[in-house]
């Protein structure tokens, strides 16, 4: 029976580098960038969110920021690019950029207006 199972795909170093380049914090994304949430880890700037890291992580998860959710950055505020508005699956949600630091996204589409790195 195990002979029927597919061999695991071994990632090449070039593929791993490509994934690393596309893995960003949501706070670093630009309007038009779209991808998939791969992790939510409320660990940055503890105490800077107005709530504890566990409470922030709980709130993000309750809003739908969960692993596998589709996300697209729609808009960012005029002052220091804060807050940001995102399409999260079928919802639109606004959040502070510092809270978005704790959401990791694998970008699948980059905005054509994105500044070069």
PDB file of N, CA and C in Angstrom:
ATOM      1  N   UNK A   1       0.818  -1.190   0.000  1.00  0.00           N
ATOM      2  CA  UNK A   1       0.000   0.000   0.000  1.00  0.00           C
ATOM      3  C   UNK A   1       0.858   1.250   0.000  1.00  0.00           C
ATOM      4  N   UNK A   2       1.975   1.225   0.719  1.00  0.00           N
ATOM      5  CA  UNK A   2       2.820   2.403   0.766  1.00  0.00           C
ATOM      6  C   UNK A   2       3.497   2.684  -0.564  1.00  0.00           C
ATOM      7  N   UNK A   3       3.550   1.658  -1.442  1.00  0.00           N
ATOM      8  CA  UNK A   3       4.144   1.894  -2.748  1.00  0.00           C
ATOM      9  C   UNK A   3       3.317   2.864  -3.576  1.00  0.00           C
ATOM     10  N   UNK A   4       2.030   2.998  -3.235  1.00  0.00           N
ATOM     11  CA  UNK A   4       1.155   3.881  -4.004  1.00  0.00           C
ATOM     12  C   UNK A   4       1.275   5.331  -3.572  1.00  0.00           C
ATOM     13  N   UNK A   5       1.882   5.589  -2.433  1.00  0.00           N
ATOM     14  CA  UNK A   5       2.021   6.961  -1.963  1.00  0.00           C
ATOM     15  C   UNK A   5       3.081   7.680  -2.766  1.00  0.00           C
ATOM     16  N   UNK A   6       2.821   8.922  -3.040  1.00  0.00           N
ATOM     17  CA  UNK A   6       3.763   9.719  -3.817  1.00  0.00           C
ATOM     18  C   UNK A   6       4.993  10.038  -2.991  1.00  0.00           C
ATOM     19  N   UNK A   7       6.091  10.153  -3.673  1.00  0.00           N
ATOM     20  CA  UNK A   7       7.326  10.573  -3.023  1.00  0.00           C
ATOM     21  C   UNK A   7       7.186  12.036  -2.628  1.00  0.00           C
ATOM     22  N   UNK A   8       7.649  12.433  -1.456  1.00  0.00           N
ATOM     23  CA  UNK A   8       7.606  13.851  -1.108  1.00  0.00           C
ATOM     24  C   UNK A   8       8.474  14.666  -2.062  1.00  0.00           C
ATOM     25  N   UNK A   9       7.964  15.826  -2.388  1.00  0.00           N
ATOM     26  CA  UNK A   9       8.697  16.714  -3.286  1.00  0.00           C
ATOM     27  C   UNK A   9       9.814  17.384  -2.504  1.00  0.00           C
ATOM     28  N   UNK A  10      11.010  17.282  -3.023  1.00  0.00           N
ATOM     29  CA  UNK A  10      12.141  17.922  -2.380  1.00  0.00           C
ATOM     30  C   UNK A  10      12.323  19.298  -2.992  1.00  0.00           C
ATOM     31  N   UNK A  11      12.315  20.290  -2.127  1.00  0.00           N
ATOM     32  CA  UNK A  11      12.453  21.661  -2.607  1.00  0.00           C
ATOM     33  C   UNK A  11      13.901  21.942  -2.990  1.00  0.00           C
ATOM     34  N   UNK A  12      14.063  22.560  -4.133  1.00  0.00           N
ATOM     35  CA  UNK A  12      15.394  22.950  -4.550  1.00  0.00           C
ATOM     36  C   UNK A  12      15.780  24.224  -3.805  1.00  0.00           C
ATOM     37  N   UNK A  13      17.070  24.506  -3.699  1.00  0.00           N
ATOM     38  CA  UNK A  13      17.481  25.747  -3.033  1.00  0.00           C
ATOM     39  C   UNK A  13      16.882  26.986  -3.693  1.00  0.00           C
ATOM     40  N   UNK A  14      16.729  26.964  -5.024  1.00  0.00           N
ATOM     41  CA  UNK A  14      16.142  28.113  -5.719  1.00  0.00           C
ATOM     42  C   UNK A  14      14.678  28.286  -5.326  1.00  0.00           C
ATOM     43  N   UNK A  15      13.951  27.155  -5.205  1.00  0.00           N
ATOM     44  CA  UNK A  15      12.541  27.221  -4.805  1.00  0.00           C
ATOM     45  C   UNK A  15      12.425  27.749  -3.380  1.00  0.00           C
ATOM     46  N   UNK A  16      13.282  27.274  -2.485  1.00  0.00           N
ATOM     47  CA  UNK A  16      13.252  27.733  -1.092  1.00  0.00           C
ATOM     48  C   UNK A  16      13.545  29.234  -1.009  1.00  0.00           C
ATOM     49  N   UNK A  17      14.478  29.721  -1.813  1.00  0.00           N
ATOM     50  CA  UNK A  17      14.804  31.150  -1.813  1.00  0.00           C
ATOM     51  C   UNK A  17      13.625  31.962  -2.329  1.00  0.00           C
ATOM     52  N   UNK A  18      12.916  31.418  -3.348  1.00  0.00           N
ATOM     53  CA  UNK A  18      11.741  32.106  -3.888  1.00  0.00           C
ATOM     54  C   UNK A  18      10.648  32.216  -2.834  1.00  0.00           C
ATOM     55  N   UNK A  19      10.410  31.135  -2.091  1.00  0.00           N
ATOM     56  CA  UNK A  19       9.389  31.155  -1.035  1.00  0.00           C
ATOM     57  C   UNK A  19       9.789  32.140   0.053  1.00  0.00           C
ATOM     58  N   UNK A  20      11.068  32.139   0.442  1.00  0.00           N
ATOM     59  CA  UNK A  20      11.527  33.080   1.469  1.00  0.00           C
ATOM     60  C   UNK A  20      11.300  34.525   1.035  1.00  0.00           C
ATOM     61  N   UNK A  21      11.504  34.819  -0.250  1.00  0.00           N
ATOM     62  CA  UNK A  21      11.334  36.187  -0.746  1.00  0.00           C
ATOM     63  C   UNK A  21       9.877  36.605  -0.732  1.00  0.00           C
ATOM     64  N   UNK A  22       8.967  35.636  -0.888  1.00  0.00           N
ATOM     65  CA  UNK A  22       7.540  35.966  -0.942  1.00  0.00           C
ATOM     66  C   UNK A  22       6.863  35.885   0.418  1.00  0.00           C
ATOM     67  N   UNK A  23       7.561  35.400   1.450  1.00  0.00           N
ATOM     68  CA  UNK A  23       6.997  35.303   2.790  1.00  0.00           C
ATOM     69  C   UNK A  23       7.253  36.611   3.526  1.00  0.00           C
ATOM     70  N   UNK A  24       6.193  37.355   3.810  1.00  0.00           N
ATOM     71  CA  UNK A  24       6.333  38.673   4.429  1.00  0.00           C
ATOM     72  C   UNK A  24       5.316  38.819   5.555  1.00  0.00           C
ATOM     73  N   UNK A  25       5.604  39.778   6.411  1.00  0.00           N
ATOM     74  CA  UNK A  25       4.605  40.169   7.406  1.00  0.00           C
ATOM     75  C   UNK A  25       3.536  40.981   6.669  1.00  0.00           C
ATOM     76  N   UNK A  26       2.296  40.871   7.074  1.00  0.00           N
ATOM     77  CA  UNK A  26       1.223  41.618   6.431  1.00  0.00           C
ATOM     78  C   UNK A  26       1.493  43.122   6.496  1.00  0.00           C
ATOM     79  N   UNK A  27       2.161  43.563   7.531  1.00  0.00           N
ATOM     80  CA  UNK A  27       2.457  44.991   7.676  1.00  0.00           C
ATOM     81  C   UNK A  27       3.416  45.494   6.600  1.00  0.00           C
ATOM     82  N   UNK A  28       4.136  44.603   5.929  1.00  0.00           N
ATOM     83  CA  UNK A  28       5.083  44.993   4.885  1.00  0.00           C
ATOM     84  C   UNK A  28       4.465  44.945   3.488  1.00  0.00           C
ATOM     85  N   UNK A  29       3.239  44.432   3.398  1.00  0.00           N
ATOM     86  CA  UNK A  29       2.581  44.315   2.093  1.00  0.00           C
ATOM     87  C   UNK A  29       2.062  45.676   1.635  1.00  0.00           C
ATOM     88  N   UNK A  30       1.858  45.788   0.336  1.00  0.00           N
ATOM     89  CA  UNK A  30       1.398  47.031  -0.267  1.00  0.00           C
ATOM     90  C   UNK A  30       0.030  46.810  -0.917  1.00  0.00           C
ATOM     91  N   UNK A  31      -0.732  47.896  -1.124  1.00  0.00           N
ATOM     92  CA  UNK A  31      -2.017  47.736  -1.802  1.00  0.00           C
ATOM     93  C   UNK A  31      -1.837  47.016  -3.146  1.00  0.00           C
ATOM     94  N   UNK A  32      -2.656  46.017  -3.364  1.00  0.00           N
ATOM     95  CA  UNK A  32      -2.569  45.206  -4.577  1.00  0.00           C
ATOM     96  C   UNK A  32      -1.871  43.883  -4.355  1.00  0.00           C
ATOM     97  N   UNK A  33      -1.077  43.778  -3.297  1.00  0.00           N
ATOM     98  CA  UNK A  33      -0.429  42.500  -2.965  1.00  0.00           C
ATOM     99  C   UNK A  33      -1.499  41.522  -2.478  1.00  0.00           C
ATOM    100  N   UNK A  34      -1.377  40.269  -2.887  1.00  0.00           N
ATOM    101  CA  UNK A  34      -2.344  39.251  -2.481  1.00  0.00           C
ATOM    102  C   UNK A  34      -1.613  37.948  -2.214  1.00  0.00           C
ATOM    103  N   UNK A  35      -2.181  37.161  -1.313  1.00  0.00           N
ATOM    104  CA  UNK A  35      -1.552  35.884  -0.988  1.00  0.00           C
ATOM    105  C   UNK A  35      -2.391  35.080  -0.027  1.00  0.00           C
ATOM    106  N   UNK A  36      -1.710  34.222   0.712  1.00  0.00           N
ATOM    107  CA  UNK A  36      -2.360  33.320   1.649  1.00  0.00           C
ATOM    108  C   UNK A  36      -1.691  33.448   3.015  1.00  0.00           C
ATOM    109  N   UNK A  37      -2.499  33.475   4.045  1.00  0.00           N
ATOM    110  CA  UNK A  37      -1.955  33.542   5.403  1.00  0.00           C
ATOM    111  C   UNK A  37      -1.326  32.197   5.739  1.00  0.00           C
ATOM    112  N   UNK A  38      -0.093  32.224   6.208  1.00  0.00           N
ATOM    113  CA  UNK A  38       0.587  30.984   6.568  1.00  0.00           C
ATOM    114  C   UNK A  38       0.783  30.853   8.082  1.00  0.00           C
ATOM    115  N   UNK A  39       0.717  31.976   8.809  1.00  0.00           N
ATOM    116  CA  UNK A  39       0.890  31.878  10.257  1.00  0.00           C
ATOM    117  C   UNK A  39       0.412  33.165  10.924  1.00  0.00           C
ATOM    118  N   UNK A  40      -0.076  33.023  12.138  1.00  0.00           N
ATOM    119  CA  UNK A  40      -0.436  34.169  12.978  1.00  0.00           C
ATOM    120  C   UNK A  40       0.277  33.968  14.296  1.00  0.00           C
ATOM    121  N   UNK A  41       1.243  34.843  14.567  1.00  0.00           N
ATOM    122  CA  UNK A  41       2.042  34.731  15.788  1.00  0.00           C
ATOM    123  C   UNK A  41       2.096  36.091  16.447  1.00  0.00           C
ATOM    124  N   UNK A  42       1.316  36.300  17.469  1.00  0.00           N
ATOM    125  CA  UNK A  42       1.325  37.575  18.178  1.00  0.00           C
ATOM    126  C   UNK A  42       2.517  37.585  19.117  1.00  0.00           C
ATOM    127  N   UNK A  43       3.631  38.043  18.609  1.00  0.00           N
ATOM    128  CA  UNK A  43       4.847  38.051  19.420  1.00  0.00           C
ATOM    129  C   UNK A  43       5.640  39.340  19.286  1.00  0.00           C
ATOM    130  N   UNK A  44       5.305  40.170  18.305  1.00  0.00           N
ATOM    131  CA  UNK A  44       6.084  41.383  18.107  1.00  0.00           C
ATOM    132  C   UNK A  44       5.579  42.495  19.014  1.00  0.00           C
ATOM    133  N   UNK A  45       6.463  43.265  19.532  1.00  0.00           N
ATOM    134  CA  UNK A  45       6.175  44.419  20.367  1.00  0.00           C
ATOM    135  C   UNK A  45       5.156  44.107  21.457  1.00  0.00           C
ATOM    136  N   UNK A  46       5.445  43.141  22.330  1.00  0.00           N
ATOM    137  CA  UNK A  46       4.481  42.840  23.394  1.00  0.00           C
ATOM    138  C   UNK A  46       4.187  44.089  24.219  1.00  0.00           C
ATOM    139  N   UNK A  47       2.920  44.296  24.509  1.00  0.00           N
ATOM    140  CA  UNK A  47       2.509  45.457  25.287  1.00  0.00           C
ATOM    141  C   UNK A  47       2.294  46.703  24.472  1.00  0.00           C
ATOM    142  N   UNK A  48       2.695  46.679  23.188  1.00  0.00           N
ATOM    143  CA  UNK A  48       2.563  47.843  22.318  1.00  0.00           C
ATOM    144  C   UNK A  48       1.223  47.862  21.597  1.00  0.00           C
ATOM    145  N   UNK A  49       0.425  46.829  21.770  1.00  0.00           N
ATOM    146  CA  UNK A  49      -0.834  46.724  21.059  1.00  0.00           C
ATOM    147  C   UNK A  49      -2.015  47.208  21.905  1.00  0.00           C
ATOM    148  N   UNK A  50      -1.768  47.512  23.153  1.00  0.00           N
ATOM    149  CA  UNK A  50      -2.849  47.891  24.054  1.00  0.00           C
ATOM    150  C   UNK A  50      -3.471  46.698  24.742  1.00  0.00           C
ATOM    151  N   UNK A  51      -3.137  45.502  24.284  1.00  0.00           N
ATOM    152  CA  UNK A  51      -3.592  44.261  24.918  1.00  0.00           C
ATOM    153  C   UNK A  51      -2.399  43.312  24.940  1.00  0.00           C
ATOM    154  N   UNK A  52      -2.508  42.246  25.692  1.00  0.00           N
ATOM    155  CA  UNK A  52      -1.447  41.250  25.735  1.00  0.00           C
ATOM    156  C   UNK A  52      -1.350  40.491  24.424  1.00  0.00           C
ATOM    157  N   UNK A  53      -0.224  39.811  24.207  1.00  0.00           N
ATOM    158  CA  UNK A  53      -0.020  39.092  22.958  1.00  0.00           C
ATOM    159  C   UNK A  53      -1.029  37.955  22.780  1.00  0.00           C
ATOM    160  N   UNK A  54      -1.403  37.299  23.886  1.00  0.00           N
ATOM    161  CA  UNK A  54      -2.387  36.222  23.770  1.00  0.00           C
ATOM    162  C   UNK A  54      -3.744  36.777  23.344  1.00  0.00           C
ATOM    163  N   UNK A  55      -4.111  37.936  23.908  1.00  0.00           N
ATOM    164  CA  UNK A  55      -5.389  38.565  23.553  1.00  0.00           C
ATOM    165  C   UNK A  55      -5.370  39.030  22.103  1.00  0.00           C
ATOM    166  N   UNK A  56      -4.258  39.619  21.658  1.00  0.00           N
ATOM    167  CA  UNK A  56      -4.157  40.057  20.262  1.00  0.00           C
ATOM    168  C   UNK A  56      -4.276  38.864  19.317  1.00  0.00           C
ATOM    169  N   UNK A  57      -3.572  37.775  19.625  1.00  0.00           N
ATOM    170  CA  UNK A  57      -3.639  36.592  18.775  1.00  0.00           C
ATOM    171  C   UNK A  57      -5.061  36.036  18.744  1.00  0.00           C
ATOM    172  N   UNK A  58      -5.735  36.026  19.879  1.00  0.00           N
ATOM    173  CA  UNK A  58      -7.119  35.543  19.923  1.00  0.00           C
ATOM    174  C   UNK A  58      -8.019  36.413  19.051  1.00  0.00           C
ATOM    175  N   UNK A  59      -7.849  37.741  19.144  1.00  0.00           N
ATOM    176  CA  UNK A  59      -8.664  38.655  18.348  1.00  0.00           C
ATOM    177  C   UNK A  59      -8.419  38.469  16.856  1.00  0.00           C
ATOM    178  N   UNK A  60      -7.150  38.340  16.465  1.00  0.00           N
ATOM    179  CA  UNK A  60      -6.843  38.148  15.042  1.00  0.00           C
ATOM    180  C   UNK A  60      -7.475  36.857  14.532  1.00  0.00           C
ATOM    181  N   UNK A  61      -7.377  35.790  15.305  1.00  0.00           N
ATOM    182  CA  UNK A  61      -7.960  34.514  14.897  1.00  0.00           C
ATOM    183  C   UNK A  61      -9.482  34.616  14.813  1.00  0.00           C
ATOM    184  N   UNK A  62     -10.113  35.320  15.764  1.00  0.00           N
ATOM    185  CA  UNK A  62     -11.568  35.467  15.733  1.00  0.00           C
ATOM    186  C   UNK A  62     -12.040  36.296  14.543  1.00  0.00           C
ATOM    187  N   UNK A  63     -11.225  37.269  14.104  1.00  0.00           N
ATOM    188  CA  UNK A  63     -11.579  38.053  12.916  1.00  0.00           C
ATOM    189  C   UNK A  63     -11.466  37.230  11.642  1.00  0.00           C
ATOM    190  N   UNK A  64     -10.768  36.091  11.701  1.00  0.00           N
ATOM    191  CA  UNK A  64     -10.617  35.255  10.517  1.00  0.00           C
ATOM    192  C   UNK A  64      -9.212  35.213   9.959  1.00  0.00           C
ATOM    193  N   UNK A  65      -8.262  35.820  10.650  1.00  0.00           N
ATOM    194  CA  UNK A  65      -6.861  35.757  10.212  1.00  0.00           C
ATOM    195  C   UNK A  65      -6.321  34.380  10.610  1.00  0.00           C
ATOM    196  N   UNK A  66      -6.651  33.403   9.806  1.00  0.00           N
ATOM    197  CA  UNK A  66      -6.260  32.024  10.094  1.00  0.00           C
ATOM    198  C   UNK A  66      -5.424  31.481   8.944  1.00  0.00           C
ATOM    199  N   UNK A  67      -4.647  30.479   9.235  1.00  0.00           N
ATOM    200  CA  UNK A  67      -3.801  29.827   8.243  1.00  0.00           C
ATOM    201  C   UNK A  67      -4.642  29.327   7.074  1.00  0.00           C
ATOM    202  N   UNK A  68      -4.240  29.680   5.871  1.00  0.00           N
ATOM    203  CA  UNK A  68      -4.934  29.242   4.662  1.00  0.00           C
ATOM    204  C   UNK A  68      -5.932  30.248   4.124  1.00  0.00           C
ATOM    205  N   UNK A  69      -6.228  31.301   4.869  1.00  0.00           N
ATOM    206  CA  UNK A  69      -7.179  32.313   4.389  1.00  0.00           C
ATOM    207  C   UNK A  69      -6.534  33.159   3.300  1.00  0.00           C
ATOM    208  N   UNK A  70      -7.337  33.471   2.279  1.00  0.00           N
ATOM    209  CA  UNK A  70      -6.862  34.351   1.201  1.00  0.00           C
ATOM    210  C   UNK A  70      -6.914  35.789   1.684  1.00  0.00           C
ATOM    211  N   UNK A  71      -5.893  36.571   1.329  1.00  0.00           N
ATOM    212  CA  UNK A  71      -5.835  37.947   1.793  1.00  0.00           C
ATOM    213  C   UNK A  71      -5.285  38.839   0.688  1.00  0.00           C
ATOM    214  N   UNK A  72      -5.833  40.051   0.606  1.00  0.00           N
ATOM    215  CA  UNK A  72      -5.362  41.039  -0.358  1.00  0.00           C
ATOM    216  C   UNK A  72      -5.377  42.402   0.319  1.00  0.00           C
ATOM    217  N   UNK A  73      -4.314  43.160   0.177  1.00  0.00           N
ATOM    218  CA  UNK A  73      -4.267  44.502   0.740  1.00  0.00           C
ATOM    219  C   UNK A  73      -5.000  45.432  -0.220  1.00  0.00           C
ATOM    220  N   UNK A  74      -6.040  46.105   0.300  1.00  0.00           N
ATOM    221  CA  UNK A  74      -6.864  46.970  -0.536  1.00  0.00           C
ATOM    222  C   UNK A  74      -6.454  48.427  -0.460  1.00  0.00           C
ATOM    223  N   UNK A  75      -6.116  48.883   0.739  1.00  0.00           N
ATOM    224  CA  UNK A  75      -5.893  50.317   0.930  1.00  0.00           C
ATOM    225  C   UNK A  75      -5.011  50.518   2.150  1.00  0.00           C
ATOM    226  N   UNK A  76      -4.325  51.644   2.162  1.00  0.00           N
ATOM    227  CA  UNK A  76      -3.560  52.014   3.353  1.00  0.00           C
ATOM    228  C   UNK A  76      -3.800  53.473   3.641  1.00  0.00           C
ATOM    229  N   UNK A  77      -3.743  53.837   4.915  1.00  0.00           N
ATOM    230  CA  UNK A  77      -3.999  55.200   5.335  1.00  0.00           C
ATOM    231  C   UNK A  77      -2.937  56.167   4.828  1.00  0.00           C
ATOM    232  N   UNK A  78      -3.295  57.450   4.842  1.00  0.00           N
ATOM    233  CA  UNK A  78      -2.412  58.484   4.295  1.00  0.00           C
ATOM    234  C   UNK A  78      -1.259  58.821   5.242  1.00  0.00           C
ATOM    235  N   UNK A  79      -1.476  58.657   6.520  1.00  0.00           N
ATOM    236  CA  UNK A  79      -0.450  59.017   7.488  1.00  0.00           C
ATOM    237  C   UNK A  79       0.302  57.770   7.909  1.00  0.00           C
ATOM    238  N   UNK A  80       1.574  57.722   7.537  1.00  0.00           N
ATOM    239  CA  UNK A  80       2.453  56.583   7.843  1.00  0.00           C
ATOM    240  C   UNK A  80       1.868  55.247   7.372  1.00  0.00           C
ATOM    241  N   UNK A  81       1.061  55.301   6.296  1.00  0.00           N
ATOM    242  CA  UNK A  81       0.470  54.097   5.675  1.00  0.00           C
ATOM    243  C   UNK A  81      -0.344  53.268   6.674  1.00  0.00           C
ATOM    244  N   UNK A  82      -0.981  53.952   7.635  1.00  0.00           N
ATOM    245  CA  UNK A  82      -1.683  53.262   8.696  1.00  0.00           C
ATOM    246  C   UNK A  82      -3.068  53.863   8.884  1.00  0.00           C
ATOM    247  N   UNK A  83      -4.113  53.104   9.087  1.00  0.00           N
ATOM    248  CA  UNK A  83      -4.208  51.657   9.122  1.00  0.00           C
ATOM    249  C   UNK A  83      -4.237  51.077   7.699  1.00  0.00           C
ATOM    250  N   UNK A  84      -4.386  49.763   7.607  1.00  0.00           N
ATOM    251  CA  UNK A  84      -4.530  49.128   6.302  1.00  0.00           C
ATOM    252  C   UNK A  84      -5.890  48.438   6.237  1.00  0.00           C
ATOM    253  N   UNK A  85      -6.426  48.370   5.026  1.00  0.00           N
ATOM    254  CA  UNK A  85      -7.678  47.639   4.788  1.00  0.00           C
ATOM    255  C   UNK A  85      -7.339  46.429   3.936  1.00  0.00           C
ATOM    256  N   UNK A  86      -7.873  45.281   4.322  1.00  0.00           N
ATOM    257  CA  UNK A  86      -7.583  44.048   3.602  1.00  0.00           C
ATOM    258  C   UNK A  86      -8.882  43.322   3.271  1.00  0.00           C
ATOM    259  N   UNK A  87      -8.845  42.564   2.180  1.00  0.00           N
ATOM    260  CA  UNK A  87      -9.918  41.608   1.884  1.00  0.00           C
ATOM    261  C   UNK A  87      -9.444  40.285   2.448  1.00  0.00           C
ATOM    262  N   UNK A  88     -10.194  39.776   3.397  1.00  0.00           N
ATOM    263  CA  UNK A  88      -9.856  38.528   4.081  1.00  0.00           C
ATOM    264  C   UNK A  88     -10.933  37.522   3.722  1.00  0.00           C
ATOM    265  N   UNK A  89     -10.623  36.615   2.809  1.00  0.00           N
ATOM    266  CA  UNK A  89     -11.626  35.745   2.184  1.00  0.00           C
ATOM    267  C   UNK A  89     -12.725  36.650   1.613  1.00  0.00           C
ATOM    268  N   UNK A  90     -13.936  36.613   2.125  1.00  0.00           N
ATOM    269  CA  UNK A  90     -15.023  37.428   1.575  1.00  0.00           C
ATOM    270  C   UNK A  90     -15.320  38.671   2.407  1.00  0.00           C
ATOM    271  N   UNK A  91     -14.492  38.963   3.407  1.00  0.00           N
ATOM    272  CA  UNK A  91     -14.740  40.106   4.286  1.00  0.00           C
ATOM    273  C   UNK A  91     -13.725  41.208   4.004  1.00  0.00           C
ATOM    274  N   UNK A  92     -14.090  42.393   4.423  1.00  0.00           N
ATOM    275  CA  UNK A  92     -13.151  43.515   4.405  1.00  0.00           C
ATOM    276  C   UNK A  92     -12.905  43.908   5.853  1.00  0.00           C
ATOM    277  N   UNK A  93     -11.623  44.017   6.208  1.00  0.00           N
ATOM    278  CA  UNK A  93     -11.236  44.289   7.582  1.00  0.00           C
ATOM    279  C   UNK A  93     -10.163  45.371   7.567  1.00  0.00           C
ATOM    280  N   UNK A  94     -10.249  46.301   8.524  1.00  0.00           N
ATOM    281  CA  UNK A  94      -9.200  47.295   8.705  1.00  0.00           C
ATOM    282  C   UNK A  94      -8.486  46.986  10.012  1.00  0.00           C
ATOM    283  N   UNK A  95      -7.175  47.124   9.996  1.00  0.00           N
ATOM    284  CA  UNK A  95      -6.403  46.904  11.221  1.00  0.00           C
ATOM    285  C   UNK A  95      -5.167  47.775  11.214  1.00  0.00           C
ATOM    286  N   UNK A  96      -4.665  47.993  12.415  1.00  0.00           N
ATOM    287  CA  UNK A  96      -3.458  48.799  12.562  1.00  0.00           C
ATOM    288  C   UNK A  96      -2.275  48.014  12.005  1.00  0.00           C
ATOM    289  N   UNK A  97      -1.351  48.773  11.415  1.00  0.00           N
ATOM    290  CA  UNK A  97      -0.187  48.130  10.807  1.00  0.00           C
ATOM    291  C   UNK A  97       0.629  47.371  11.854  1.00  0.00           C
ATOM    292  N   UNK A  98       0.707  47.893  13.068  1.00  0.00           N
ATOM    293  CA  UNK A  98       1.490  47.184  14.090  1.00  0.00           C
ATOM    294  C   UNK A  98       0.842  45.868  14.483  1.00  0.00           C
ATOM    295  N   UNK A  99      -0.493  45.776  14.371  1.00  0.00           N
ATOM    296  CA  UNK A  99      -1.153  44.488  14.624  1.00  0.00           C
ATOM    297  C   UNK A  99      -0.950  43.545  13.444  1.00  0.00           C
ATOM    298  N   UNK A 100      -0.830  44.109  12.239  1.00  0.00           N
ATOM    299  CA  UNK A 100      -0.613  43.295  11.040  1.00  0.00           C
ATOM    300  C   UNK A 100       0.789  42.683  11.011  1.00  0.00           C
ATOM    301  N   UNK A 101       1.690  43.172  11.858  1.00  0.00           N
ATOM    302  CA  UNK A 101       3.043  42.597  11.918  1.00  0.00           C
ATOM    303  C   UNK A 101       3.013  41.125  12.324  1.00  0.00           C
ATOM    304  N   UNK A 102       1.966  40.724  13.007  1.00  0.00           N
ATOM    305  CA  UNK A 102       1.922  39.371  13.541  1.00  0.00           C
ATOM    306  C   UNK A 102       1.266  38.358  12.600  1.00  0.00           C
ATOM    307  N   UNK A 103       0.902  38.825  11.410  1.00  0.00           N
ATOM    308  CA  UNK A 103       0.289  37.941  10.408  1.00  0.00           C
ATOM    309  C   UNK A 103       1.304  37.727   9.288  1.00  0.00           C
ATOM    310  N   UNK A 104       1.684  36.472   9.047  1.00  0.00           N
ATOM    311  CA  UNK A 104       2.656  36.127   7.994  1.00  0.00           C
ATOM    312  C   UNK A 104       1.910  35.660   6.754  1.00  0.00           C
ATOM    313  N   UNK A 105       2.299  36.223   5.615  1.00  0.00           N
ATOM    314  CA  UNK A 105       1.597  35.973   4.358  1.00  0.00           C
ATOM    315  C   UNK A 105       2.586  35.486   3.307  1.00  0.00           C
ATOM    316  N   UNK A 106       2.176  34.468   2.548  1.00  0.00           N
ATOM    317  CA  UNK A 106       2.937  34.038   1.380  1.00  0.00           C
ATOM    318  C   UNK A 106       2.308  34.731   0.184  1.00  0.00           C
ATOM    319  N   UNK A 107       3.011  35.720  -0.364  1.00  0.00           N
ATOM    320  CA  UNK A 107       2.461  36.511  -1.462  1.00  0.00           C
ATOM    321  C   UNK A 107       2.441  35.695  -2.739  1.00  0.00           C
ATOM    322  N   UNK A 108       1.298  35.748  -3.416  1.00  0.00           N
ATOM    323  CA  UNK A 108       1.136  35.065  -4.699  1.00  0.00           C
ATOM    324  C   UNK A 108       1.037  36.052  -5.838  1.00  0.00           C
ATOM    325  N   UNK A 109       0.688  37.281  -5.506  1.00  0.00           N
ATOM    326  CA  UNK A 109       0.609  38.332  -6.521  1.00  0.00           C
ATOM    327  C   UNK A 109       1.138  39.628  -5.904  1.00  0.00           C
ATOM    328  N   UNK A 110       2.074  40.247  -6.592  1.00  0.00           N
ATOM    329  CA  UNK A 110       2.631  41.512  -6.127  1.00  0.00           C
ATOM    330  C   UNK A 110       1.987  42.651  -6.885  1.00  0.00           C
ATOM    331  N   UNK A 111       1.792  43.748  -6.191  1.00  0.00           N
ATOM    332  CA  UNK A 111       1.243  44.931  -6.829  1.00  0.00           C
ATOM    333  C   UNK A 111       2.233  45.470  -7.853  1.00  0.00           C
ATOM    334  N   UNK A 112       1.747  45.895  -9.025  1.00  0.00           N
ATOM    335  CA  UNK A 112       2.667  46.519  -9.996  1.00  0.00           C
ATOM    336  C   UNK A 112       3.212  47.854  -9.490  1.00  0.00           C
ATOM    337  N   UNK A 113       2.543  48.439  -8.496  1.00  0.00           N
ATOM    338  CA  UNK A 113       2.998  49.722  -7.937  1.00  0.00           C
ATOM    339  C   UNK A 113       3.968  49.524  -6.782  1.00  0.00           C
ATOM    340  N   UNK A 114       4.298  48.281  -6.475  1.00  0.00           N
ATOM    341  CA  UNK A 114       5.169  47.965  -5.340  1.00  0.00           C
ATOM    342  C   UNK A 114       6.563  48.531  -5.588  1.00  0.00           C
ATOM    343  N   UNK A 115       7.115  49.240  -4.612  1.00  0.00           N
ATOM    344  CA  UNK A 115       8.487  49.739  -4.789  1.00  0.00           C
ATOM    345  C   UNK A 115       9.484  48.587  -4.857  1.00  0.00           C
ATOM    346  N   UNK A 116      10.534  48.756  -5.633  1.00  0.00           N
ATOM    347  CA  UNK A 116      11.560  47.716  -5.776  1.00  0.00           C
ATOM    348  C   UNK A 116      12.310  47.570  -4.464  1.00  0.00           C
ATOM    349  N   UNK A 117      12.727  46.347  -4.158  1.00  0.00           N
ATOM    350  CA  UNK A 117      13.481  46.086  -2.919  1.00  0.00           C
ATOM    351  C   UNK A 117      14.925  46.439  -3.097  1.00  0.00           C
TER     352      UNK A 117
END
